[in-house]
């Protein structure tokens, strides 16, 4: 078993990118040549814990992600918070105070009107969802799916995505 010393990586600074990118790419390509034992040792050096399993693909993927995270920095606090809230919502542990506000949503009370198959559909923006035909939905995509019968990006269906892109 080859020993691997603890890897010290730090976030990059402006001007470091070419050397740093080459270093990261070299480290990532080295992973493909390592044995599972070497990957486990590398895991222990990067995560300071024992490797969770013998799956080569999993170890390569997670170690590669960790190398990039340590070099370029991880997700921002806001992104981590958003991911936690999404996980809570998915697992049914969300409460009214932690509902995720989406900046694509118009002001509460706004009415979105979309014609589909010759029928005009009106959706009202609520504080915690959307109202269509007296039924409450958590997402515009769910409303669009009920209107069309197929999966749609709700913001795109109601023309909200294009407006945001044009504002930039």
N, C-alpha and C. Protein backbone atom coordinates (compact mmCIF):
# COMPACT_ATOMS: atom_id res chain seq x y z
N UNK A 1 0.84 -1.17 0.00
CA UNK A 1 0.00 0.00 0.00
C UNK A 1 0.89 1.24 0.00
N UNK A 2 0.62 2.16 -0.90
CA UNK A 2 1.38 3.39 -1.01
C UNK A 2 0.84 4.40 -0.02
N UNK A 3 1.75 5.05 0.70
CA UNK A 3 1.26 6.06 1.64
C UNK A 3 1.15 7.40 0.92
N UNK A 4 0.12 8.12 1.27
CA UNK A 4 -0.13 9.42 0.68
C UNK A 4 -0.17 10.43 1.81
N UNK A 5 0.64 11.47 1.71
CA UNK A 5 0.64 12.48 2.77
C UNK A 5 -0.62 13.33 2.69
N UNK A 6 -0.97 13.95 3.80
CA UNK A 6 -2.15 14.82 3.86
C UNK A 6 -1.99 15.91 2.81
N UNK A 7 -3.00 16.07 1.98
CA UNK A 7 -2.95 17.06 0.90
C UNK A 7 -3.41 18.41 1.42
N UNK A 8 -2.62 19.42 1.17
CA UNK A 8 -2.97 20.78 1.57
C UNK A 8 -3.32 21.56 0.32
N UNK A 9 -4.55 21.97 0.20
CA UNK A 9 -5.00 22.78 -0.92
C UNK A 9 -5.61 24.05 -0.36
N UNK A 10 -5.54 25.12 -1.13
CA UNK A 10 -6.14 26.38 -0.68
C UNK A 10 -6.88 27.02 -1.86
N UNK A 11 -7.88 27.84 -1.54
CA UNK A 11 -8.60 28.52 -2.63
C UNK A 11 -7.65 29.34 -3.48
N UNK A 12 -7.98 29.44 -4.74
CA UNK A 12 -7.11 30.17 -5.67
C UNK A 12 -7.27 31.67 -5.55
N UNK A 13 -6.28 32.36 -6.03
CA UNK A 13 -6.31 33.83 -6.10
C UNK A 13 -6.24 34.22 -7.56
N UNK A 14 -6.72 35.43 -7.90
CA UNK A 14 -6.62 35.88 -9.28
C UNK A 14 -5.17 35.81 -9.76
N UNK A 15 -4.98 35.31 -10.95
CA UNK A 15 -3.64 35.19 -11.51
C UNK A 15 -3.06 33.80 -11.33
N UNK A 16 -3.63 32.99 -10.41
CA UNK A 16 -3.14 31.64 -10.17
C UNK A 16 -3.79 30.62 -11.09
N UNK A 17 -4.81 30.99 -11.82
CA UNK A 17 -5.71 30.03 -12.44
C UNK A 17 -5.03 29.02 -13.37
N UNK A 18 -4.11 29.42 -14.23
CA UNK A 18 -3.51 28.46 -15.15
C UNK A 18 -2.71 27.38 -14.44
N UNK A 19 -1.88 27.78 -13.49
CA UNK A 19 -1.10 26.79 -12.73
C UNK A 19 -2.01 25.93 -11.89
N UNK A 20 -2.98 26.56 -11.26
CA UNK A 20 -3.90 25.82 -10.39
C UNK A 20 -4.73 24.85 -11.20
N UNK A 21 -5.27 25.29 -12.33
CA UNK A 21 -6.07 24.42 -13.19
C UNK A 21 -5.25 23.21 -13.63
N UNK A 22 -4.00 23.43 -14.01
CA UNK A 22 -3.13 22.33 -14.44
C UNK A 22 -2.89 21.37 -13.28
N UNK A 23 -2.69 21.91 -12.08
CA UNK A 23 -2.47 21.08 -10.90
C UNK A 23 -3.69 20.22 -10.60
N UNK A 24 -4.86 20.85 -10.64
CA UNK A 24 -6.10 20.11 -10.36
C UNK A 24 -6.30 19.02 -11.41
N UNK A 25 -6.11 19.36 -12.68
CA UNK A 25 -6.27 18.36 -13.74
C UNK A 25 -5.31 17.19 -13.56
N UNK A 26 -4.08 17.49 -13.18
CA UNK A 26 -3.09 16.43 -12.95
C UNK A 26 -3.54 15.53 -11.80
N UNK A 27 -4.04 16.14 -10.71
CA UNK A 27 -4.51 15.34 -9.57
C UNK A 27 -5.70 14.48 -9.95
N UNK A 28 -6.61 15.04 -10.75
CA UNK A 28 -7.79 14.28 -11.16
C UNK A 28 -7.40 13.11 -12.08
N UNK A 29 -6.47 13.35 -12.99
CA UNK A 29 -6.05 12.25 -13.87
C UNK A 29 -5.28 11.19 -13.10
N UNK A 30 -4.56 11.60 -12.05
CA UNK A 30 -3.85 10.62 -11.21
C UNK A 30 -4.82 9.64 -10.54
N UNK A 31 -6.02 10.09 -10.25
CA UNK A 31 -7.00 9.23 -9.59
C UNK A 31 -7.29 7.99 -10.43
N UNK A 32 -7.31 8.13 -11.75
CA UNK A 32 -7.61 7.01 -12.64
C UNK A 32 -6.53 5.92 -12.58
N UNK A 33 -5.30 6.32 -12.23
CA UNK A 33 -4.19 5.37 -12.18
C UNK A 33 -4.01 4.74 -10.80
N UNK A 34 -4.73 5.23 -9.80
CA UNK A 34 -4.57 4.72 -8.44
C UNK A 34 -5.35 3.42 -8.24
N UNK A 35 -4.82 2.58 -7.36
CA UNK A 35 -5.55 1.38 -6.96
C UNK A 35 -6.62 1.79 -5.96
N UNK A 36 -7.51 0.88 -5.65
CA UNK A 36 -8.56 1.16 -4.67
C UNK A 36 -7.92 1.46 -3.31
N UNK A 37 -6.87 0.74 -2.96
CA UNK A 37 -6.17 1.01 -1.69
C UNK A 37 -5.60 2.42 -1.67
N UNK A 38 -4.99 2.82 -2.76
CA UNK A 38 -4.43 4.18 -2.83
C UNK A 38 -5.54 5.23 -2.78
N UNK A 39 -6.66 4.94 -3.41
CA UNK A 39 -7.79 5.87 -3.35
C UNK A 39 -8.31 6.01 -1.92
N UNK A 40 -8.36 4.90 -1.20
CA UNK A 40 -8.80 4.96 0.20
C UNK A 40 -7.84 5.79 1.05
N UNK A 41 -6.57 5.64 0.79
CA UNK A 41 -5.58 6.44 1.51
C UNK A 41 -5.73 7.91 1.18
N UNK A 42 -5.94 8.20 -0.09
CA UNK A 42 -6.16 9.58 -0.52
C UNK A 42 -7.41 10.14 0.15
N UNK A 43 -8.47 9.34 0.22
CA UNK A 43 -9.70 9.74 0.89
C UNK A 43 -9.41 10.14 2.34
N UNK A 44 -8.69 9.29 3.04
CA UNK A 44 -8.37 9.57 4.44
C UNK A 44 -7.59 10.87 4.58
N UNK A 45 -6.70 11.15 3.63
CA UNK A 45 -5.92 12.38 3.68
C UNK A 45 -6.79 13.61 3.43
N UNK A 46 -7.76 13.50 2.54
CA UNK A 46 -8.60 14.65 2.18
C UNK A 46 -9.79 14.86 3.11
N UNK A 47 -10.36 13.77 3.63
CA UNK A 47 -11.57 13.88 4.45
C UNK A 47 -11.31 13.65 5.94
N UNK A 48 -10.13 13.16 6.30
CA UNK A 48 -9.77 12.85 7.69
C UNK A 48 -10.74 11.84 8.30
N UNK A 49 -11.25 10.94 7.48
CA UNK A 49 -12.08 9.84 7.94
C UNK A 49 -11.78 8.62 7.08
N UNK A 50 -12.19 7.46 7.56
CA UNK A 50 -12.00 6.24 6.77
C UNK A 50 -12.89 6.28 5.54
N UNK A 51 -12.41 5.70 4.45
CA UNK A 51 -13.19 5.64 3.21
C UNK A 51 -14.44 4.79 3.46
N UNK A 52 -15.59 5.18 2.90
CA UNK A 52 -16.84 4.51 3.21
C UNK A 52 -17.05 3.15 2.55
N UNK A 53 -16.44 2.89 1.40
CA UNK A 53 -16.67 1.61 0.73
C UNK A 53 -15.57 1.30 -0.28
N UNK A 54 -15.73 0.21 -1.00
CA UNK A 54 -14.72 -0.21 -1.98
C UNK A 54 -15.07 0.16 -3.41
N UNK A 55 -16.11 0.92 -3.63
CA UNK A 55 -16.52 1.25 -4.98
C UNK A 55 -15.55 2.26 -5.59
N UNK A 56 -14.79 1.81 -6.55
CA UNK A 56 -13.79 2.65 -7.20
C UNK A 56 -14.42 3.92 -7.79
N UNK A 57 -15.52 3.76 -8.51
CA UNK A 57 -16.18 4.91 -9.13
C UNK A 57 -16.61 5.95 -8.11
N UNK A 58 -17.18 5.49 -6.99
CA UNK A 58 -17.62 6.41 -5.95
C UNK A 58 -16.42 7.14 -5.36
N UNK A 59 -15.37 6.40 -5.04
CA UNK A 59 -14.18 7.03 -4.44
C UNK A 59 -13.57 8.06 -5.39
N UNK A 60 -13.44 7.71 -6.66
CA UNK A 60 -12.88 8.67 -7.64
C UNK A 60 -13.73 9.92 -7.73
N UNK A 61 -15.04 9.74 -7.81
CA UNK A 61 -15.96 10.87 -7.96
C UNK A 61 -15.88 11.81 -6.75
N UNK A 62 -16.00 11.26 -5.56
CA UNK A 62 -16.00 12.08 -4.35
C UNK A 62 -14.63 12.71 -4.08
N UNK A 63 -13.56 11.99 -4.32
CA UNK A 63 -12.22 12.55 -4.13
C UNK A 63 -11.99 13.67 -5.14
N UNK A 64 -12.40 13.44 -6.39
CA UNK A 64 -12.25 14.48 -7.41
C UNK A 64 -13.02 15.74 -7.03
N UNK A 65 -14.23 15.56 -6.52
CA UNK A 65 -15.02 16.71 -6.08
C UNK A 65 -14.33 17.42 -4.93
N UNK A 66 -13.80 16.65 -3.98
CA UNK A 66 -13.14 17.24 -2.81
C UNK A 66 -11.89 18.03 -3.21
N UNK A 67 -11.12 17.51 -4.15
CA UNK A 67 -9.94 18.23 -4.63
C UNK A 67 -10.35 19.58 -5.20
N UNK A 68 -11.38 19.59 -6.03
CA UNK A 68 -11.85 20.84 -6.63
C UNK A 68 -12.44 21.77 -5.57
N UNK A 69 -13.18 21.21 -4.62
CA UNK A 69 -13.77 22.03 -3.56
C UNK A 69 -12.69 22.71 -2.72
N UNK A 70 -11.66 21.97 -2.36
CA UNK A 70 -10.58 22.55 -1.56
C UNK A 70 -9.77 23.57 -2.35
N UNK A 71 -9.67 23.37 -3.65
CA UNK A 71 -8.89 24.29 -4.48
C UNK A 71 -9.67 25.55 -4.82
N UNK A 72 -10.89 25.37 -5.29
CA UNK A 72 -11.68 26.49 -5.80
C UNK A 72 -12.68 27.04 -4.79
N UNK A 73 -12.88 26.34 -3.70
CA UNK A 73 -13.86 26.75 -2.70
C UNK A 73 -15.16 26.00 -2.91
N UNK A 74 -15.90 25.81 -1.82
CA UNK A 74 -17.16 25.08 -1.88
C UNK A 74 -18.33 26.01 -2.13
N UNK A 75 -19.52 25.48 -1.99
CA UNK A 75 -20.71 26.30 -2.20
C UNK A 75 -20.81 27.40 -1.14
N UNK A 76 -21.42 28.51 -1.52
CA UNK A 76 -21.58 29.63 -0.59
C UNK A 76 -22.56 29.26 0.52
N UNK A 77 -22.57 30.05 1.57
CA UNK A 77 -23.49 29.82 2.69
C UNK A 77 -24.93 29.84 2.19
N UNK A 78 -25.23 30.79 1.31
CA UNK A 78 -26.59 30.91 0.77
C UNK A 78 -26.97 29.67 -0.03
N UNK A 79 -26.04 29.14 -0.81
CA UNK A 79 -26.31 27.94 -1.59
C UNK A 79 -26.52 26.74 -0.68
N UNK A 80 -25.69 26.60 0.35
CA UNK A 80 -25.87 25.50 1.30
C UNK A 80 -27.22 25.59 2.00
N UNK A 81 -27.62 26.80 2.37
CA UNK A 81 -28.92 27.00 3.03
C UNK A 81 -30.05 26.60 2.09
N UNK A 82 -29.96 27.02 0.84
CA UNK A 82 -30.98 26.69 -0.15
C UNK A 82 -31.06 25.17 -0.35
N UNK A 83 -29.92 24.50 -0.42
CA UNK A 83 -29.92 23.04 -0.59
C UNK A 83 -30.53 22.36 0.63
N UNK A 84 -30.23 22.85 1.83
CA UNK A 84 -30.83 22.29 3.04
C UNK A 84 -32.34 22.45 3.03
N UNK A 85 -32.81 23.64 2.64
CA UNK A 85 -34.25 23.88 2.58
C UNK A 85 -34.92 22.99 1.54
N UNK A 86 -34.28 22.81 0.39
CA UNK A 86 -34.83 21.93 -0.64
C UNK A 86 -34.90 20.49 -0.15
N UNK A 87 -33.87 20.05 0.56
CA UNK A 87 -33.88 18.69 1.11
C UNK A 87 -35.00 18.54 2.12
N UNK A 88 -35.16 19.53 2.98
CA UNK A 88 -36.25 19.49 3.97
C UNK A 88 -37.61 19.43 3.28
N UNK A 89 -37.77 20.24 2.23
CA UNK A 89 -39.04 20.26 1.50
C UNK A 89 -39.30 18.90 0.86
N UNK A 90 -38.28 18.32 0.27
CA UNK A 90 -38.41 17.02 -0.38
C UNK A 90 -38.78 15.94 0.62
N UNK A 91 -38.21 16.03 1.81
CA UNK A 91 -38.47 15.02 2.84
C UNK A 91 -39.71 15.34 3.66
N UNK A 92 -40.43 16.41 3.31
CA UNK A 92 -41.66 16.75 4.00
C UNK A 92 -41.46 17.38 5.36
N UNK A 93 -40.28 17.95 5.62
CA UNK A 93 -40.00 18.55 6.92
C UNK A 93 -39.99 20.07 6.86
N UNK A 94 -40.67 20.64 5.90
CA UNK A 94 -40.62 22.09 5.74
C UNK A 94 -41.78 22.73 6.51
N UNK A 95 -41.52 23.90 7.08
CA UNK A 95 -42.60 24.63 7.74
C UNK A 95 -42.77 25.96 7.02
N UNK A 96 -43.83 26.68 7.35
CA UNK A 96 -44.15 27.92 6.64
C UNK A 96 -43.04 28.96 6.71
N UNK A 97 -42.29 29.01 7.82
CA UNK A 97 -41.25 30.02 7.97
C UNK A 97 -40.06 29.77 7.06
N UNK A 98 -39.85 28.54 6.63
CA UNK A 98 -38.67 28.23 5.84
C UNK A 98 -38.97 28.03 4.35
N UNK A 99 -40.14 28.44 3.89
CA UNK A 99 -40.47 28.29 2.47
C UNK A 99 -39.48 29.11 1.64
N UNK A 100 -39.01 28.52 0.59
CA UNK A 100 -37.99 29.14 -0.24
C UNK A 100 -38.62 30.22 -1.12
N UNK A 101 -38.09 31.41 -1.05
CA UNK A 101 -38.57 32.49 -1.91
C UNK A 101 -37.79 32.45 -3.21
N UNK A 102 -38.48 32.42 -4.31
CA UNK A 102 -37.85 32.38 -5.62
C UNK A 102 -37.96 33.77 -6.24
N UNK A 103 -36.82 34.37 -6.58
CA UNK A 103 -36.84 35.73 -7.09
C UNK A 103 -37.47 35.83 -8.48
N UNK A 104 -37.80 34.69 -9.09
CA UNK A 104 -38.50 34.73 -10.37
C UNK A 104 -39.99 34.98 -10.18
N UNK A 105 -40.49 34.75 -8.94
CA UNK A 105 -41.92 34.93 -8.69
C UNK A 105 -42.29 36.41 -8.71
N UNK A 106 -43.37 36.73 -9.41
CA UNK A 106 -43.87 38.10 -9.35
C UNK A 106 -44.42 38.40 -7.96
N UNK A 107 -44.82 39.63 -7.73
CA UNK A 107 -45.36 40.07 -6.46
C UNK A 107 -46.64 39.28 -6.15
N UNK A 108 -46.85 38.98 -4.86
CA UNK A 108 -48.05 38.27 -4.43
C UNK A 108 -49.29 39.02 -4.94
N UNK A 109 -50.22 38.27 -5.48
CA UNK A 109 -51.44 38.87 -6.02
C UNK A 109 -51.40 39.03 -7.53
N UNK A 110 -50.21 38.93 -8.12
CA UNK A 110 -50.09 39.06 -9.58
C UNK A 110 -50.84 37.91 -10.24
N UNK A 111 -51.47 38.20 -11.36
CA UNK A 111 -52.18 37.18 -12.12
C UNK A 111 -51.43 36.92 -13.42
N UNK A 112 -51.12 35.67 -13.67
CA UNK A 112 -50.47 35.25 -14.91
C UNK A 112 -51.54 34.67 -15.82
N UNK A 113 -51.55 35.10 -17.06
CA UNK A 113 -52.56 34.63 -18.00
C UNK A 113 -51.84 33.96 -19.17
N UNK A 114 -52.27 32.74 -19.49
CA UNK A 114 -51.64 31.98 -20.59
C UNK A 114 -52.74 31.27 -21.35
N UNK A 115 -52.72 31.39 -22.65
CA UNK A 115 -53.68 30.66 -23.47
C UNK A 115 -53.06 29.33 -23.88
N UNK A 116 -53.84 28.26 -23.76
CA UNK A 116 -53.37 26.94 -24.15
C UNK A 116 -54.54 26.19 -24.78
N UNK A 117 -54.35 25.72 -25.99
CA UNK A 117 -55.40 25.01 -26.74
C UNK A 117 -56.69 25.80 -26.81
N UNK A 118 -56.57 27.12 -27.01
CA UNK A 118 -57.72 27.98 -27.17
C UNK A 118 -58.43 28.34 -25.87
N UNK A 119 -57.87 27.93 -24.73
CA UNK A 119 -58.48 28.24 -23.44
C UNK A 119 -57.53 29.15 -22.67
N UNK A 120 -58.09 30.22 -22.09
CA UNK A 120 -57.29 31.15 -21.30
C UNK A 120 -57.21 30.65 -19.86
N UNK A 121 -55.99 30.51 -19.36
CA UNK A 121 -55.76 30.04 -18.00
C UNK A 121 -55.17 31.17 -17.17
N UNK A 122 -55.72 31.39 -15.97
CA UNK A 122 -55.25 32.45 -15.08
C UNK A 122 -54.72 31.83 -13.80
N UNK A 123 -53.49 32.20 -13.44
CA UNK A 123 -52.85 31.73 -12.20
C UNK A 123 -52.58 32.95 -11.34
N UNK A 124 -52.94 32.87 -10.07
CA UNK A 124 -52.69 33.96 -9.13
C UNK A 124 -51.52 33.57 -8.23
N UNK A 125 -50.57 34.49 -8.08
CA UNK A 125 -49.41 34.26 -7.22
C UNK A 125 -49.84 34.44 -5.77
N UNK A 126 -49.61 33.42 -4.95
CA UNK A 126 -49.89 33.48 -3.52
C UNK A 126 -48.58 33.62 -2.76
N UNK A 127 -48.67 33.92 -1.49
CA UNK A 127 -47.46 34.04 -0.68
C UNK A 127 -46.70 32.71 -0.60
N UNK A 128 -47.44 31.62 -0.57
CA UNK A 128 -46.80 30.32 -0.40
C UNK A 128 -47.19 29.34 -1.50
N UNK A 129 -47.44 29.84 -2.70
CA UNK A 129 -47.76 28.95 -3.81
C UNK A 129 -48.48 29.67 -4.93
N UNK A 130 -49.32 28.91 -5.64
CA UNK A 130 -50.00 29.42 -6.82
C UNK A 130 -51.43 28.89 -6.84
N UNK A 131 -52.38 29.73 -7.25
CA UNK A 131 -53.77 29.33 -7.33
C UNK A 131 -54.19 29.26 -8.79
N UNK A 132 -54.75 28.12 -9.18
CA UNK A 132 -55.28 27.93 -10.53
C UNK A 132 -56.61 27.19 -10.39
N UNK A 133 -57.66 27.78 -10.88
CA UNK A 133 -59.00 27.20 -10.85
C UNK A 133 -59.42 26.80 -9.43
N UNK A 134 -59.03 27.64 -8.45
CA UNK A 134 -59.41 27.37 -7.07
C UNK A 134 -58.59 26.29 -6.38
N UNK A 135 -57.58 25.78 -7.06
CA UNK A 135 -56.70 24.76 -6.47
C UNK A 135 -55.34 25.36 -6.20
N UNK A 136 -54.74 24.99 -5.10
CA UNK A 136 -53.43 25.54 -4.71
C UNK A 136 -52.32 24.58 -5.14
N UNK A 137 -51.27 25.15 -5.72
CA UNK A 137 -50.11 24.39 -6.17
C UNK A 137 -48.85 24.97 -5.55
N UNK A 138 -47.85 24.11 -5.32
CA UNK A 138 -46.58 24.57 -4.76
C UNK A 138 -45.67 25.16 -5.82
N UNK A 139 -45.87 24.78 -7.10
CA UNK A 139 -44.97 25.27 -8.15
C UNK A 139 -45.74 25.60 -9.42
N UNK A 140 -45.17 26.50 -10.20
CA UNK A 140 -45.75 26.81 -11.51
C UNK A 140 -45.63 25.62 -12.46
N UNK A 141 -44.60 24.81 -12.26
CA UNK A 141 -44.45 23.63 -13.11
C UNK A 141 -45.61 22.66 -12.90
N UNK A 142 -46.08 22.53 -11.66
CA UNK A 142 -47.23 21.66 -11.38
C UNK A 142 -48.48 22.21 -12.07
N UNK A 143 -48.65 23.53 -12.06
CA UNK A 143 -49.79 24.15 -12.75
C UNK A 143 -49.69 23.87 -14.24
N UNK A 144 -48.52 24.10 -14.82
CA UNK A 144 -48.33 23.89 -16.26
C UNK A 144 -48.58 22.43 -16.63
N UNK A 145 -48.16 21.51 -15.78
CA UNK A 145 -48.37 20.08 -16.04
C UNK A 145 -49.87 19.76 -16.04
N UNK A 146 -50.62 20.36 -15.11
CA UNK A 146 -52.07 20.14 -15.07
C UNK A 146 -52.78 20.72 -16.28
N UNK A 147 -52.27 21.85 -16.78
CA UNK A 147 -52.89 22.48 -17.95
C UNK A 147 -52.60 21.69 -19.21
N UNK A 148 -51.33 21.27 -19.38
CA UNK A 148 -50.90 20.66 -20.65
C UNK A 148 -50.90 19.14 -20.66
N UNK A 149 -50.78 18.55 -19.48
CA UNK A 149 -50.68 17.09 -19.41
C UNK A 149 -49.28 16.56 -19.57
N UNK A 150 -48.31 17.45 -19.76
CA UNK A 150 -46.90 17.04 -19.87
C UNK A 150 -46.04 17.93 -18.97
N UNK A 151 -44.82 17.49 -18.70
CA UNK A 151 -43.92 18.28 -17.86
C UNK A 151 -43.41 19.51 -18.59
N UNK A 152 -43.50 20.64 -17.92
CA UNK A 152 -43.03 21.92 -18.44
C UNK A 152 -42.27 22.62 -17.34
N UNK A 153 -41.33 23.47 -17.69
CA UNK A 153 -40.77 24.42 -16.74
C UNK A 153 -41.84 25.50 -16.61
N UNK A 154 -42.41 25.64 -15.41
CA UNK A 154 -43.53 26.55 -15.21
C UNK A 154 -43.20 27.99 -15.53
N UNK A 155 -41.99 28.43 -15.19
CA UNK A 155 -41.60 29.81 -15.46
C UNK A 155 -41.53 30.06 -16.97
N UNK A 156 -41.02 29.08 -17.69
CA UNK A 156 -40.95 29.21 -19.14
C UNK A 156 -42.36 29.16 -19.74
N UNK A 157 -43.20 28.26 -19.25
CA UNK A 157 -44.56 28.13 -19.77
C UNK A 157 -45.33 29.44 -19.65
N UNK A 158 -45.16 30.13 -18.52
CA UNK A 158 -45.88 31.39 -18.31
C UNK A 158 -45.07 32.62 -18.76
N UNK A 159 -43.93 32.39 -19.44
CA UNK A 159 -43.17 33.49 -20.03
C UNK A 159 -42.33 34.29 -19.04
N UNK A 160 -42.05 33.72 -17.87
CA UNK A 160 -41.26 34.46 -16.88
C UNK A 160 -39.76 34.29 -17.08
N UNK A 161 -39.32 33.17 -17.59
CA UNK A 161 -37.89 32.93 -17.78
C UNK A 161 -37.28 33.86 -18.81
N UNK A 162 -37.97 34.09 -19.93
CA UNK A 162 -37.44 34.93 -20.99
C UNK A 162 -37.34 36.38 -20.55
N UNK A 163 -38.30 36.83 -19.77
CA UNK A 163 -38.28 38.23 -19.31
C UNK A 163 -37.05 38.49 -18.47
N UNK A 164 -36.70 37.58 -17.60
CA UNK A 164 -35.53 37.74 -16.73
C UNK A 164 -34.25 37.78 -17.55
N UNK A 165 -34.16 36.89 -18.54
CA UNK A 165 -32.95 36.85 -19.36
C UNK A 165 -32.77 38.16 -20.14
N UNK A 166 -33.86 38.73 -20.62
CA UNK A 166 -33.79 39.96 -21.40
C UNK A 166 -33.44 41.17 -20.53
N UNK A 167 -33.70 41.10 -19.22
CA UNK A 167 -33.39 42.22 -18.33
C UNK A 167 -31.90 42.35 -18.09
N UNK A 168 -31.15 41.29 -18.25
CA UNK A 168 -29.72 41.29 -17.93
C UNK A 168 -28.91 42.03 -18.95
